[in-house]
Amino acid sequence: MPLYLGLDSSTQSLTAIVIDSDTRKVVFEDSLSFDAALPHYGTRHGVLPRAHPDEALSSPVMWAEALDVMFGRIAAGRVDLQKIAAISGSAQQHGSVYLNRSAAAALAAMDPARPIAG
């Protein structure tokens, strides 16, 4: 029974749903509020305190940590991660992540065994 995982990252939360392709039933569904699950980022409604009223900023590391937490929740929900055949993701339509000169080296040095936000 292949499973399919859908992820949606909004301004305020990360939601996951896992569907069994044979039965077409939801086998897992959860939503993680950034403010509640990751309070150490200091967000309100998923947004950092604003210096300018027309700008809304969030930490991309927070989004990555939310993925780590959500995959932990999925595994704890007794979903066999090895049965996931495909992952689909959607995210905020107006989000941008800006990288500096050291980004390529940092990305190349990433270790899949360690959390991104570590």
Protein backbone atom coordinates (compact mmCIF):
# COMPACT_ATOMS: atom_id res chain seq x y z
CA MET A 1 0.00 0.00 0.00
CA PRO A 2 1.84 3.10 -1.15
CA LEU A 3 1.24 6.21 0.91
CA TYR A 4 1.20 9.78 -0.32
CA LEU A 5 2.17 12.75 1.83
CA GLY A 6 0.87 16.26 1.30
CA LEU A 7 2.46 19.23 3.09
CA ASP A 8 1.14 22.78 3.21
CA SER A 9 3.17 25.55 4.80
CA SER A 10 1.12 28.65 5.43
CA THR A 11 2.09 31.83 7.21
CA GLN A 12 0.98 30.44 10.56
CA SER A 13 1.35 26.67 10.36
CA LEU A 14 2.54 23.50 8.66
CA THR A 15 -0.12 20.89 7.86
CA ALA A 16 0.48 17.30 6.79
CA ILE A 17 -1.87 14.67 5.45
CA VAL A 18 -1.00 11.08 4.52
CA ILE A 19 -3.31 9.10 2.25
CA ASP A 20 -3.34 5.34 1.65
CA SER A 21 -3.55 4.92 -2.12
CA ASP A 22 -5.30 1.54 -1.91
CA THR A 23 -8.15 2.58 0.36
CA ARG A 24 -8.02 6.30 -0.47
CA LYS A 25 -8.38 7.00 3.24
CA VAL A 26 -6.51 9.51 5.35
CA VAL A 27 -4.16 7.60 7.66
CA PHE A 28 -2.60 10.67 9.27
CA GLU A 29 -3.45 14.35 9.53
CA ASP A 30 -1.88 17.00 11.74
CA SER A 31 -1.24 20.72 11.84
CA LEU A 32 1.63 22.42 13.63
CA SER A 33 1.20 26.05 14.68
CA PHE A 34 4.55 27.82 14.44
CA ASP A 35 3.77 30.02 17.46
CA ALA A 36 2.78 27.11 19.72
CA ALA A 37 5.19 24.39 18.54
CA LEU A 38 8.25 26.60 18.02
CA PRO A 39 7.91 29.45 20.55
CA HIS A 40 11.68 30.06 20.65
CA TYR A 41 11.39 31.94 17.31
CA GLY A 42 9.20 34.62 18.94
CA THR A 43 6.62 34.75 16.15
CA ARG A 44 3.06 35.98 16.40
CA HIS A 45 0.79 34.35 13.84
CA GLY A 46 3.97 32.92 12.28
CA VAL A 47 5.57 36.33 11.74
CA LEU A 48 8.50 37.93 13.54
CA PRO A 49 8.03 41.32 15.25
CA ARG A 50 7.82 43.98 12.57
CA ALA A 51 10.20 46.89 12.08
CA HIS A 52 8.04 48.17 9.20
CA PRO A 53 4.25 47.72 9.08
CA ASP A 54 4.32 46.79 5.38
CA GLU A 55 6.81 43.93 5.82
CA ALA A 56 6.24 40.48 7.30
CA LEU A 57 9.29 38.35 8.02
CA SER A 58 9.66 34.74 9.17
CA SER A 59 12.70 32.57 9.74
CA PRO A 60 13.35 29.97 7.00
CA VAL A 61 15.14 27.94 9.68
CA MET A 62 11.82 27.88 11.55
CA TRP A 63 10.15 26.36 8.48
CA ALA A 64 12.89 23.72 8.25
CA GLU A 65 12.57 22.92 11.95
CA ALA A 66 8.80 22.63 11.51
CA LEU A 67 9.42 19.98 8.83
CA ASP A 68 11.70 18.06 11.22
CA VAL A 69 9.04 18.22 13.94
CA MET A 70 6.27 17.22 11.55
CA PHE A 71 8.19 14.20 10.24
CA GLY A 72 8.69 13.17 13.87
CA ARG A 73 4.94 13.46 14.44
CA ILE A 74 4.21 11.43 11.31
CA ALA A 75 6.60 8.67 12.42
CA ALA A 76 5.13 8.76 15.95
CA GLY A 77 1.68 8.45 14.36
CA ARG A 78 2.70 4.96 13.26
CA VAL A 79 3.03 5.88 9.61
CA ASP A 80 5.67 3.74 7.93
CA LEU A 81 7.79 6.46 6.29
CA GLN A 82 9.33 3.87 3.96
CA LYS A 83 5.91 3.36 2.35
CA ILE A 84 5.65 7.01 1.28
CA ALA A 85 5.82 6.91 -2.52
CA ALA A 86 5.55 10.65 -3.18
CA ILE A 87 5.47 13.98 -1.37
CA SER A 88 3.64 17.05 -2.58
CA GLY A 89 4.20 20.45 -1.05
CA SER A 90 2.66 23.87 -1.23
CA ALA A 91 3.70 27.04 0.52
CA GLN A 92 3.01 30.73 0.87
CA GLN A 93 2.63 32.33 -2.50
CA HIS A 94 4.45 35.52 -1.54
CA GLY A 95 7.40 34.11 0.37
CA SER A 96 11.02 34.68 -0.59
CA VAL A 97 14.20 33.30 0.93
CA TYR A 98 17.32 35.35 0.31
CA LEU A 99 20.71 33.61 0.37
CA ASN A 100 24.11 35.18 0.98
CA ARG A 101 27.50 34.25 -0.50
CA SER A 102 28.09 31.44 1.98
CA ALA A 103 24.82 29.66 1.14
CA ALA A 104 26.28 27.23 -1.43
CA ALA A 105 28.93 26.00 1.01
CA ALA A 106 26.40 25.71 3.85
CA LEU A 107 24.00 23.71 1.67
CA ALA A 108 26.78 21.43 0.44
CA ALA A 109 27.86 20.73 4.05
CA MET A 110 24.38 19.67 5.20
CA ASP A 111 24.17 16.26 6.86
CA PRO A 112 20.85 14.41 6.42
CA ALA A 113 21.39 12.74 9.80
CA ARG A 114 21.32 16.10 11.61
CA PRO A 115 18.43 18.56 11.95
CA ILE A 116 18.75 21.71 9.87
CA ALA A 117 17.90 23.96 12.80
CA GLY A 118 20.43 22.26 15.09
